[in-house]
C-alpha atoms as a PDB file:
ATOM      1  CA  UNK A   1      19.996   8.312   5.915  1.00  0.00           C
ATOM      2  CA  UNK A   2      21.355  11.672   4.775  1.00  0.00           C
ATOM      3  CA  UNK A   3      21.496  10.413   1.188  1.00  0.00           C
ATOM      4  CA  UNK A   4      17.859   9.299   1.338  1.00  0.00           C
ATOM      5  CA  UNK A   5      16.697  12.696   2.614  1.00  0.00           C
ATOM      6  CA  UNK A   6      18.799  14.491   0.004  1.00  0.00           C
ATOM      7  CA  UNK A   7      17.418  12.292  -2.785  1.00  0.00           C
ATOM      8  CA  UNK A   8      13.876  12.903  -1.553  1.00  0.00           C
ATOM      9  CA  UNK A   9      14.183  16.695  -1.721  1.00  0.00           C
ATOM     10  CA  UNK A  10      15.986  16.632  -5.072  1.00  0.00           C
ATOM     11  CA  UNK A  11      13.364  14.278  -6.521  1.00  0.00           C
ATOM     12  CA  UNK A  12      10.500  16.387  -5.161  1.00  0.00           C
ATOM     13  CA  UNK A  13      11.971  19.540  -6.692  1.00  0.00           C
ATOM     14  CA  UNK A  14      12.398  17.891 -10.098  1.00  0.00           C
ATOM     15  CA  UNK A  15       8.864  16.517  -9.844  1.00  0.00           C
ATOM     16  CA  UNK A  16       7.446  19.995  -9.151  1.00  0.00           C
ATOM     17  CA  UNK A  17       8.965  21.387 -12.346  1.00  0.00           C
ATOM     18  CA  UNK A  18       7.862  18.428 -14.489  1.00  0.00           C
ATOM     19  CA  UNK A  19       4.312  18.427 -13.113  1.00  0.00           C
ATOM     20  CA  UNK A  20       3.952  22.165 -13.687  1.00  0.00           C
ATOM     21  CA  UNK A  21       4.853  21.555 -17.325  1.00  0.00           C
ATOM     22  CA  UNK A  22       2.515  18.574 -17.760  1.00  0.00           C
ATOM     23  CA  UNK A  23      -0.401  19.821 -15.631  1.00  0.00           C
ATOM     24  CA  UNK A  24      -2.384  21.537 -18.458  1.00  0.00           C
ATOM     25  CA  UNK A  25      -2.237  18.371 -20.539  1.00  0.00           C
ATOM     26  CA  UNK A  26      -3.171  16.195 -17.561  1.00  0.00           C
ATOM     27  CA  UNK A  27      -6.201  18.364 -16.782  1.00  0.00           C
ATOM     28  CA  UNK A  28      -7.328  18.245 -20.411  1.00  0.00           C
ATOM     29  CA  UNK A  29      -6.965  14.471 -20.565  1.00  0.00           C
ATOM     30  CA  UNK A  30      -8.793  13.933 -17.253  1.00  0.00           C
ATOM     31  CA  UNK A  31     -11.605  16.311 -18.250  1.00  0.00           C
ATOM     32  CA  UNK A  32     -12.086  14.627 -21.620  1.00  0.00           C
ATOM     33  CA  UNK A  33     -12.203  11.179 -20.023  1.00  0.00           C
ATOM     34  CA  UNK A  34     -14.656  12.294 -17.337  1.00  0.00           C
ATOM     35  CA  UNK A  35     -17.142  14.072 -19.566  1.00  0.00           C
ATOM     36  CA  UNK A  36     -19.342  10.945 -19.730  1.00  0.00           C
ATOM     37  CA  UNK A  37     -20.019  11.441 -16.005  1.00  0.00           C
ATOM     38  CA  UNK A  38     -21.126  15.045 -16.524  1.00  0.00           C
ATOM     39  CA  UNK A  39     -24.950  15.269 -16.009  1.00  0.00           C
ATOM     40  CA  UNK A  40     -25.242  17.907 -18.738  1.00  0.00           C
ATOM     41  CA  UNK A  41     -23.500  15.634 -21.254  1.00  0.00           C
ATOM     42  CA  UNK A  42     -25.589  12.613 -20.205  1.00  0.00           C
ATOM     43  CA  UNK A  43     -28.843  14.567 -20.495  1.00  0.00           C
ATOM     44  CA  UNK A  44     -27.865  15.964 -23.894  1.00  0.00           C
ATOM     45  CA  UNK A  45     -27.828  19.577 -22.733  1.00  0.00           C
ATOM     46  CA  UNK A  46     -24.135  19.840 -23.596  1.00  0.00           C
ATOM     47  CA  UNK A  47     -22.668  18.261 -26.696  1.00  0.00           C
ATOM     48  CA  UNK A  48     -20.076  15.575 -26.102  1.00  0.00           C
ATOM     49  CA  UNK A  49     -16.605  16.329 -27.460  1.00  0.00           C
ATOM     50  CA  UNK A  50     -15.262  13.793 -29.934  1.00  0.00           C
ATOM     51  CA  UNK A  51     -11.615  14.462 -29.085  1.00  0.00           C
ATOM     52  CA  UNK A  52      -9.436  16.345 -26.643  1.00  0.00           C
ATOM     53  CA  UNK A  53      -9.075  19.385 -28.923  1.00  0.00           C
ATOM     54  CA  UNK A  54     -12.856  19.892 -29.085  1.00  0.00           C
ATOM     55  CA  UNK A  55     -13.094  19.569 -25.312  1.00  0.00           C
ATOM     56  CA  UNK A  56     -10.350  22.172 -24.801  1.00  0.00           C
ATOM     57  CA  UNK A  57     -12.081  24.612 -27.174  1.00  0.00           C
ATOM     58  CA  UNK A  58     -15.384  24.144 -25.352  1.00  0.00           C
ATOM     59  CA  UNK A  59     -13.794  24.767 -21.932  1.00  0.00           C
ATOM     60  CA  UNK A  60     -11.944  27.867 -23.158  1.00  0.00           C
ATOM     61  CA  UNK A  61     -15.149  29.355 -24.613  1.00  0.00           C
ATOM     62  CA  UNK A  62     -17.030  28.587 -21.401  1.00  0.00           C
ATOM     63  CA  UNK A  63     -14.508  29.236 -18.593  1.00  0.00           C
ATOM     64  CA  UNK A  64     -11.554  30.926 -20.281  1.00  0.00           C
ATOM     65  CA  UNK A  65      -7.911  29.981 -20.486  1.00  0.00           C
ATOM     66  CA  UNK A  66      -7.339  30.179 -16.718  1.00  0.00           C
ATOM     67  CA  UNK A  67      -8.157  26.490 -16.243  1.00  0.00           C
ATOM     68  CA  UNK A  68      -5.036  25.487 -18.183  1.00  0.00           C
ATOM     69  CA  UNK A  69      -2.591  27.815 -16.422  1.00  0.00           C
ATOM     70  CA  UNK A  70      -0.182  25.721 -14.292  1.00  0.00           C
ATOM     71  CA  UNK A  71      -0.734  26.063 -10.564  1.00  0.00           C
ATOM     72  CA  UNK A  72       1.773  25.069  -7.882  1.00  0.00           C
ATOM     73  CA  UNK A  73      -1.079  24.706  -5.412  1.00  0.00           C
ATOM     74  CA  UNK A  74      -2.866  22.126  -7.559  1.00  0.00           C
ATOM     75  CA  UNK A  75       0.365  20.151  -8.019  1.00  0.00           C
ATOM     76  CA  UNK A  76       0.953  20.106  -4.261  1.00  0.00           C
ATOM     77  CA  UNK A  77      -2.654  19.086  -3.586  1.00  0.00           C
ATOM     78  CA  UNK A  78      -2.284  16.143  -5.962  1.00  0.00           C
ATOM     79  CA  UNK A  79       0.730  15.012  -3.845  1.00  0.00           C
ATOM     80  CA  UNK A  80       2.789  14.492  -7.020  1.00  0.00           C
ATOM     81  CA  UNK A  81       5.916  15.945  -5.392  1.00  0.00           C
ATOM     82  CA  UNK A  82       5.638  13.649  -2.381  1.00  0.00           C
ATOM     83  CA  UNK A  83       4.933  10.598  -4.539  1.00  0.00           C
ATOM     84  CA  UNK A  84       7.827  11.094  -6.967  1.00  0.00           C
ATOM     85  CA  UNK A  85      10.259  12.100  -4.231  1.00  0.00           C
ATOM     86  CA  UNK A  86       9.450   8.955  -2.256  1.00  0.00           C
ATOM     87  CA  UNK A  87       9.730   6.766  -5.339  1.00  0.00           C
ATOM     88  CA  UNK A  88      13.214   8.018  -6.185  1.00  0.00           C
ATOM     89  CA  UNK A  89      14.495   8.081  -2.604  1.00  0.00           C
ATOM     90  CA  UNK A  90      13.226   4.572  -1.764  1.00  0.00           C
ATOM     91  CA  UNK A  91      14.474   3.136  -5.037  1.00  0.00           C
ATOM     92  CA  UNK A  92      17.968   4.570  -4.635  1.00  0.00           C
ATOM     93  CA  UNK A  93      18.046   3.605  -0.953  1.00  0.00           C
ATOM     94  CA  UNK A  94      17.333  -0.035  -1.837  1.00  0.00           C
ATOM     95  CA  UNK A  95      19.788  -0.221  -4.736  1.00  0.00           C
ATOM     96  CA  UNK A  96      22.548   1.480  -2.744  1.00  0.00           C
ATOM     97  CA  UNK A  97      22.575  -1.328  -0.154  1.00  0.00           C
ATOM     98  CA  UNK A  98      21.510  -4.332  -2.236  1.00  0.00           C
ATOM     99  CA  UNK A  99      23.839  -3.665  -5.194  1.00  0.00           C
ATOM    100  CA  UNK A 100      26.937  -2.611  -3.265  1.00  0.00           C
ATOM    101  CA  UNK A 101      30.015  -4.260  -4.796  1.00  0.00           C
ATOM    102  CA  UNK A 102      27.902  -5.874  -7.512  1.00  0.00           C
ATOM    103  CA  UNK A 103      29.369  -5.600 -11.011  1.00  0.00           C
ATOM    104  CA  UNK A 104      26.634  -4.932 -13.627  1.00  0.00           C
ATOM    105  CA  UNK A 105      28.514  -6.768 -16.382  1.00  0.00           C
ATOM    106  CA  UNK A 106      29.574  -9.987 -14.640  1.00  0.00           C
ATOM    107  CA  UNK A 107      26.380 -10.201 -12.525  1.00  0.00           C
ATOM    108  CA  UNK A 108      23.904  -8.526 -14.855  1.00  0.00           C
ATOM    109  CA  UNK A 109      21.049 -10.942 -14.087  1.00  0.00           C
ATOM    110  CA  UNK A 110      21.179 -10.256 -10.357  1.00  0.00           C
ATOM    111  CA  UNK A 111      21.724  -6.581 -11.144  1.00  0.00           C
ATOM    112  CA  UNK A 112      18.555  -6.445 -13.285  1.00  0.00           C
ATOM    113  CA  UNK A 113      16.437  -8.397 -10.781  1.00  0.00           C
ATOM    114  CA  UNK A 114      17.487  -6.063  -7.961  1.00  0.00           C
ATOM    115  CA  UNK A 115      16.593  -2.985 -10.005  1.00  0.00           C
ATOM    116  CA  UNK A 116      13.199  -4.409 -11.004  1.00  0.00           C
ATOM    117  CA  UNK A 117      12.384  -5.365  -7.412  1.00  0.00           C
ATOM    118  CA  UNK A 118      13.532  -1.969  -6.090  1.00  0.00           C
ATOM    119  CA  UNK A 119      11.300  -0.186  -8.596  1.00  0.00           C
ATOM    120  CA  UNK A 120       8.248  -2.247  -7.666  1.00  0.00           C
ATOM    121  CA  UNK A 121       8.784  -1.796  -3.931  1.00  0.00           C
ATOM    122  CA  UNK A 122       9.323   1.949  -4.358  1.00  0.00           C
ATOM    123  CA  UNK A 123       6.125   2.292  -6.397  1.00  0.00           C
ATOM    124  CA  UNK A 124       4.093   0.330  -3.854  1.00  0.00           C
ATOM    125  CA  UNK A 125       5.388   2.159  -0.759  1.00  0.00           C
ATOM    126  CA  UNK A 126       5.072   5.604  -2.352  1.00  0.00           C
ATOM    127  CA  UNK A 127       1.483   4.857  -3.364  1.00  0.00           C
ATOM    128  CA  UNK A 128       0.755   3.547   0.142  1.00  0.00           C
ATOM    129  CA  UNK A 129       1.974   6.780   1.760  1.00  0.00           C
ATOM    130  CA  UNK A 130       0.428   9.262  -0.696  1.00  0.00           C
ATOM    131  CA  UNK A 131      -2.936   7.572  -1.284  1.00  0.00           C
ATOM    132  CA  UNK A 132      -4.657   9.234   1.732  1.00  0.00           C
ATOM    133  CA  UNK A 133      -3.731  12.651   0.279  1.00  0.00           C
ATOM    134  CA  UNK A 134      -5.803  12.218  -2.879  1.00  0.00           C
ATOM    135  CA  UNK A 135      -8.219  14.984  -3.835  1.00  0.00           C
ATOM    136  CA  UNK A 136     -11.485  13.137  -3.085  1.00  0.00           C
ATOM    137  CA  UNK A 137     -10.731  12.763   0.651  1.00  0.00           C
ATOM    138  CA  UNK A 138     -12.549  15.328   2.785  1.00  0.00           C
ATOM    139  CA  UNK A 139     -11.252  16.650   6.082  1.00  0.00           C
ATOM    140  CA  UNK A 140     -14.322  15.396   7.947  1.00  0.00           C
ATOM    141  CA  UNK A 141     -13.645  11.806   6.899  1.00  0.00           C
ATOM    142  CA  UNK A 142     -10.209  11.954   8.534  1.00  0.00           C
ATOM    143  CA  UNK A 143     -11.864  12.029  11.977  1.00  0.00           C
ATOM    144  CA  UNK A 144     -15.153  10.218  11.403  1.00  0.00           C
ATOM    145  CA  UNK A 145     -13.958   7.353   9.185  1.00  0.00           C
ATOM    146  CA  UNK A 146     -10.169   6.912   9.244  1.00  0.00           C
ATOM    147  CA  UNK A 147     -10.386   3.591   7.382  1.00  0.00           C
ATOM    148  CA  UNK A 148     -12.013   5.370   4.417  1.00  0.00           C
ATOM    149  CA  UNK A 149      -8.623   6.900   3.617  1.00  0.00           C
ATOM    150  CA  UNK A 150      -7.644   3.664   1.882  1.00  0.00           C
ATOM    151  CA  UNK A 151     -10.971   2.956   0.221  1.00  0.00           C
ATOM    152  CA  UNK A 152     -10.265   1.689  -3.296  1.00  0.00           C
ATOM    153  CA  UNK A 153      -6.549   1.304  -2.591  1.00  0.00           C
ATOM    154  CA  UNK A 154      -6.153  -2.191  -4.032  1.00  0.00           C
ATOM    155  CA  UNK A 155      -7.953  -1.147  -7.217  1.00  0.00           C
ATOM    156  CA  UNK A 156      -5.586   1.800  -7.749  1.00  0.00           C
ATOM    157  CA  UNK A 157      -2.182   0.420  -6.739  1.00  0.00           C
ATOM    158  CA  UNK A 158      -1.686  -1.656  -9.911  1.00  0.00           C
ATOM    159  CA  UNK A 159      -0.732   1.153 -12.347  1.00  0.00           C
ATOM    160  CA  UNK A 160       1.795   2.670  -9.945  1.00  0.00           C
ATOM    161  CA  UNK A 161       3.560  -0.628  -9.224  1.00  0.00           C
ATOM    162  CA  UNK A 162       3.518  -1.711 -12.886  1.00  0.00           C
ATOM    163  CA  UNK A 163       4.962   1.575 -14.162  1.00  0.00           C
ATOM    164  CA  UNK A 164       7.687   1.840 -11.505  1.00  0.00           C
ATOM    165  CA  UNK A 165       8.694  -1.817 -11.873  1.00  0.00           C
ATOM    166  CA  UNK A 166       9.195  -1.571 -15.630  1.00  0.00           C
ATOM    167  CA  UNK A 167      10.569   1.974 -15.754  1.00  0.00           C
ATOM    168  CA  UNK A 168      13.121   1.798 -12.927  1.00  0.00           C
ATOM    169  CA  UNK A 169      14.056  -1.768 -13.818  1.00  0.00           C
ATOM    170  CA  UNK A 170      14.950  -0.795 -17.389  1.00  0.00           C
ATOM    171  CA  UNK A 171      16.415   2.622 -16.583  1.00  0.00           C
ATOM    172  CA  UNK A 172      18.744   1.564 -13.768  1.00  0.00           C
ATOM    173  CA  UNK A 173      19.811  -1.666 -15.468  1.00  0.00           C
ATOM    174  CA  UNK A 174      20.769  -0.110 -18.802  1.00  0.00           C
ATOM    175  CA  UNK A 175      22.398   2.885 -17.134  1.00  0.00           C
ATOM    176  CA  UNK A 176      24.491   0.482 -15.080  1.00  0.00           C
ATOM    177  CA  UNK A 177      25.537  -1.118 -18.370  1.00  0.00           C
ATOM    178  CA  UNK A 178      26.358   2.281 -19.895  1.00  0.00           C
ATOM    179  CA  UNK A 179      29.272   1.603 -22.311  1.00  0.00           C
ATOM    180  CA  UNK A 180      30.431   5.230 -22.284  1.00  0.00           C
ATOM    181  CA  UNK A 181      31.343   4.996 -18.598  1.00  0.00           C
ATOM    182  CA  UNK A 182      33.898   2.285 -19.362  1.00  0.00           C
ATOM    183  CA  UNK A 183      37.649   2.825 -19.546  1.00  0.00           C
ATOM    184  CA  UNK A 184      37.516   2.113 -23.301  1.00  0.00           C
ATOM    185  CA  UNK A 185      35.905   5.496 -23.922  1.00  0.00           C
ATOM    186  CA  UNK A 186      38.073   7.687 -21.743  1.00  0.00           C
ATOM    187  CA  UNK A 187      39.574   9.396 -24.825  1.00  0.00           C
ATOM    188  CA  UNK A 188      36.185  10.800 -25.897  1.00  0.00           C
ATOM    189  CA  UNK A 189      33.864  13.334 -24.276  1.00  0.00           C
ATOM    190  CA  UNK A 190      32.367  10.859 -21.807  1.00  0.00           C
ATOM    191  CA  UNK A 191      30.201  13.406 -19.966  1.00  0.00           C
ATOM    192  CA  UNK A 192      28.331  14.356 -23.119  1.00  0.00           C
ATOM    193  CA  UNK A 193      27.984  10.759 -24.300  1.00  0.00           C
ATOM    194  CA  UNK A 194      26.819   9.570 -20.882  1.00  0.00           C
ATOM    195  CA  UNK A 195      24.188  12.330 -20.805  1.00  0.00           C
ATOM    196  CA  UNK A 196      22.899  11.502 -24.303  1.00  0.00           C
ATOM    197  CA  UNK A 197      22.849   7.802 -23.451  1.00  0.00           C
ATOM    198  CA  UNK A 198      20.902   8.456 -20.232  1.00  0.00           C
ATOM    199  CA  UNK A 199      18.348  10.622 -22.017  1.00  0.00           C
ATOM    200  CA  UNK A 200      17.774   7.935 -24.654  1.00  0.00           C
ATOM    201  CA  UNK A 201      17.504   5.202 -22.017  1.00  0.00           C
ATOM    202  CA  UNK A 202      15.090   7.340 -19.981  1.00  0.00           C
ATOM    203  CA  UNK A 203      12.829   8.006 -22.961  1.00  0.00           C
ATOM    204  CA  UNK A 204      12.786   4.385 -24.144  1.00  0.00           C
ATOM    205  CA  UNK A 205      12.196   3.100 -20.599  1.00  0.00           C
ATOM    206  CA  UNK A 206       9.336   5.568 -20.075  1.00  0.00           C
ATOM    207  CA  UNK A 207       7.786   4.615 -23.433  1.00  0.00           C
ATOM    208  CA  UNK A 208       7.883   0.887 -22.645  1.00  0.00           C
ATOM    209  CA  UNK A 209       6.650   1.427 -19.071  1.00  0.00           C
ATOM    210  CA  UNK A 210       3.695   3.543 -20.227  1.00  0.00           C
ATOM    211  CA  UNK A 211       2.794   0.924 -22.852  1.00  0.00           C
ATOM    212  CA  UNK A 212       2.936  -2.049 -20.471  1.00  0.00           C
ATOM    213  CA  UNK A 213       1.203  -0.308 -17.546  1.00  0.00           C
ATOM    214  CA  UNK A 214      -1.694   1.130 -19.568  1.00  0.00           C
ATOM    215  CA  UNK A 215      -3.857  -2.046 -19.227  1.00  0.00           C
ATOM    216  CA  UNK A 216      -3.623  -1.674 -15.441  1.00  0.00           C
ATOM    217  CA  UNK A 217      -4.682   1.970 -15.746  1.00  0.00           C
ATOM    218  CA  UNK A 218      -7.797   0.966 -17.730  1.00  0.00           C
ATOM    219  CA  UNK A 219      -8.652  -1.870 -15.332  1.00  0.00           C
ATOM    220  CA  UNK A 220      -8.135   0.366 -12.295  1.00  0.00           C
ATOM    221  CA  UNK A 221     -10.447   3.000 -13.795  1.00  0.00           C
ATOM    222  CA  UNK A 222     -13.137   0.374 -14.472  1.00  0.00           C
ATOM    223  CA  UNK A 223     -12.937  -1.046 -10.948  1.00  0.00           C
ATOM    224  CA  UNK A 224     -13.046   2.355  -9.252  1.00  0.00           C
ATOM    225  CA  UNK A 225     -15.963   3.694 -11.333  1.00  0.00           C
ATOM    226  CA  UNK A 226     -18.162   0.612 -11.639  1.00  0.00           C
ATOM    227  CA  UNK A 227     -21.864   0.678 -10.785  1.00  0.00           C
ATOM    228  CA  UNK A 228     -22.288   0.467  -6.975  1.00  0.00           C
ATOM    229  CA  UNK A 229     -25.397  -1.719  -7.431  1.00  0.00           C
ATOM    230  CA  UNK A 230     -23.348  -4.395  -9.229  1.00  0.00           C
ATOM    231  CA  UNK A 231     -20.720  -4.941  -6.552  1.00  0.00           C
ATOM    232  CA  UNK A 232     -22.323  -8.063  -5.055  1.00  0.00           C
ATOM    233  CA  UNK A 233     -24.261 -11.073  -6.208  1.00  0.00           C
ATOM    234  CA  UNK A 234     -24.370 -12.867  -9.536  1.00  0.00           C
ATOM    235  CA  UNK A 235     -24.680  -9.620 -11.496  1.00  0.00           C
ATOM    236  CA  UNK A 236     -21.234  -8.496 -10.434  1.00  0.00           C
ATOM    237  CA  UNK A 237     -19.400  -7.504 -13.610  1.00  0.00           C
ATOM    238  CA  UNK A 238     -15.803  -7.437 -12.368  1.00  0.00           C
ATOM    239  CA  UNK A 239     -14.595  -9.585  -9.459  1.00  0.00           C
ATOM    240  CA  UNK A 240     -10.943  -8.506  -9.477  1.00  0.00           C
ATOM    241  CA  UNK A 241      -8.292  -6.989 -11.733  1.00  0.00           C
ATOM    242  CA  UNK A 242      -7.497 -10.234 -13.607  1.00  0.00           C
ATOM    243  CA  UNK A 243     -11.187 -10.984 -14.169  1.00  0.00           C
ATOM    244  CA  UNK A 244     -11.775  -7.420 -15.377  1.00  0.00           C
ATOM    245  CA  UNK A 245      -8.853  -7.602 -17.804  1.00  0.00           C
ATOM    246  CA  UNK A 246     -10.000 -10.944 -19.220  1.00  0.00           C
ATOM    247  CA  UNK A 247     -13.600  -9.738 -19.618  1.00  0.00           C
ATOM    248  CA  UNK A 248     -12.557  -6.497 -21.315  1.00  0.00           C
ATOM    249  CA  UNK A 249     -10.454  -8.441 -23.841  1.00  0.00           C
ATOM    250  CA  UNK A 250     -13.246 -10.979 -24.474  1.00  0.00           C
ATOM    251  CA  UNK A 251     -16.082  -8.457 -24.861  1.00  0.00           C
ATOM    252  CA  UNK A 252     -14.400  -5.315 -26.214  1.00  0.00           C
ATOM    253  CA  UNK A 253     -11.121  -6.471 -27.722  1.00  0.00           C
ATOM    254  CA  UNK A 254      -7.456  -6.066 -26.847  1.00  0.00           C
ATOM    255  CA  UNK A 255      -7.372  -2.481 -28.123  1.00  0.00           C
ATOM    256  CA  UNK A 256      -9.604  -1.311 -25.251  1.00  0.00           C
ATOM    257  CA  UNK A 257      -6.816  -2.055 -22.779  1.00  0.00           C
ATOM    258  CA  UNK A 258      -4.747   0.681 -24.454  1.00  0.00           C
ATOM    259  CA  UNK A 259      -7.528   3.222 -24.836  1.00  0.00           C
ATOM    260  CA  UNK A 260      -6.483   6.738 -23.866  1.00  0.00           C
ATOM    261  CA  UNK A 261      -2.783   5.900 -23.963  1.00  0.00           C
ATOM    262  CA  UNK A 262      -0.738   9.117 -23.899  1.00  0.00           C
ATOM    263  CA  UNK A 263       3.050   9.008 -23.833  1.00  0.00           C
ATOM    264  CA  UNK A 264       4.020  12.604 -23.098  1.00  0.00           C
ATOM    265  CA  UNK A 265       3.621  12.455 -19.261  1.00  0.00           C
ATOM    266  CA  UNK A 266       5.791   9.337 -19.123  1.00  0.00           C
ATOM    267  CA  UNK A 267       8.406  10.856 -21.439  1.00  0.00           C
ATOM    268  CA  UNK A 268       8.599  13.865 -19.120  1.00  0.00           C
ATOM    269  CA  UNK A 269       9.132  11.450 -16.220  1.00  0.00           C
ATOM    270  CA  UNK A 270      11.995   9.889 -18.171  1.00  0.00           C
ATOM    271  CA  UNK A 271      13.586  13.329 -18.556  1.00  0.00           C
ATOM    272  CA  UNK A 272      12.901  14.133 -14.882  1.00  0.00           C
ATOM    273  CA  UNK A 273      14.881  11.090 -13.698  1.00  0.00           C
ATOM    274  CA  UNK A 274      17.873  12.111 -15.850  1.00  0.00           C
ATOM    275  CA  UNK A 275      17.836  15.598 -14.303  1.00  0.00           C
ATOM    276  CA  UNK A 276      17.435  14.023 -10.860  1.00  0.00           C
ATOM    277  CA  UNK A 277      20.474  11.778 -11.382  1.00  0.00           C
ATOM    278  CA  UNK A 278      22.509  14.876 -12.258  1.00  0.00           C
ATOM    279  CA  UNK A 279      21.447  17.156  -9.413  1.00  0.00           C
ATOM    280  CA  UNK A 280      21.603  14.538  -6.662  1.00  0.00           C
ATOM    281  CA  UNK A 281      25.381  14.337  -7.186  1.00  0.00           C
ATOM    282  CA  UNK A 282      25.940  18.005  -6.442  1.00  0.00           C
ATOM    283  CA  UNK A 283      25.803  17.820  -2.605  1.00  0.00           C
ATOM    284  CA  UNK A 284      27.817  14.612  -2.600  1.00  0.00           C
ATOM    285  CA  UNK A 285      29.985  13.832  -5.593  1.00  0.00           C
ATOM    286  CA  UNK A 286      30.327  10.062  -5.057  1.00  0.00           C
ATOM    287  CA  UNK A 287      27.078   8.186  -4.526  1.00  0.00           C
ATOM    288  CA  UNK A 288      27.049   4.513  -5.438  1.00  0.00           C
ATOM    289  CA  UNK A 289      23.657   3.572  -6.799  1.00  0.00           C
ATOM    290  CA  UNK A 290      22.469   0.988  -9.281  1.00  0.00           C
ATOM    291  CA  UNK A 291      22.397   3.553 -12.113  1.00  0.00           C
ATOM    292  CA  UNK A 292      25.711   5.274 -11.237  1.00  0.00           C
ATOM    293  CA  UNK A 293      28.119   2.327 -11.151  1.00  0.00           C
ATOM    294  CA  UNK A 294      31.549   3.069 -12.551  1.00  0.00           C
ATOM    295  CA  UNK A 295      33.763   0.045 -13.277  1.00  0.00           C
END
């Protein structure tokens, strides 16, 4: 239990730093995507930006540069620290007990399946806990309509589970198979090679996870922002996530499932997990997890 609490606080601290770095880009991306819902843009009063750079220039001329200055308060309000800390703590808690005394080389299939399952469970539980803390929940709804806290939950859980399943599954599996931790490489600078290997694995895992989870991000956005008058009856456009994905591919093409794909937030997450794996060892030097196995 002490390890889980320690991992939670270390993961939350790493998440705070990473989200402060990525927050200006996240705000620019969210603002550019949401400009079609702006009444001034719809009415033609304000010109629609053709790309993110034009949107940033327009916002700076109108409101100044202050909108893109990182704010710890905004990061905390978005519950990013809580979400990432729970993901890492739950994932390591599961792998610590399920992979104890499992050798990643001789039992690599079971090792990989355990890591994939741990990542998916961690993503689901973290999303379940942090979803009521999203920005669009008002304080009055907490008392009047408690069930509204999870309104739209099933439409939004897909991207989180998909990203965590792929990312943690790849990252922990390939770090467990790290060749530079073997006895064959004890004559070289193993610490440096292990660090470089982990960084490369983290970046590749984040790249693949962002690519494979992007269709779920697009489908989740469509389901959450669909016309409220088309939610029932024969005119209903999307019945569920699978129906929405199939209809988007049939009507708009496969490329629409990857629209708005940006890799830099995921690459920062890949670097965050490497830093987390380093700092979590400081309070306790020997922690057996799926990604820290030493034959």
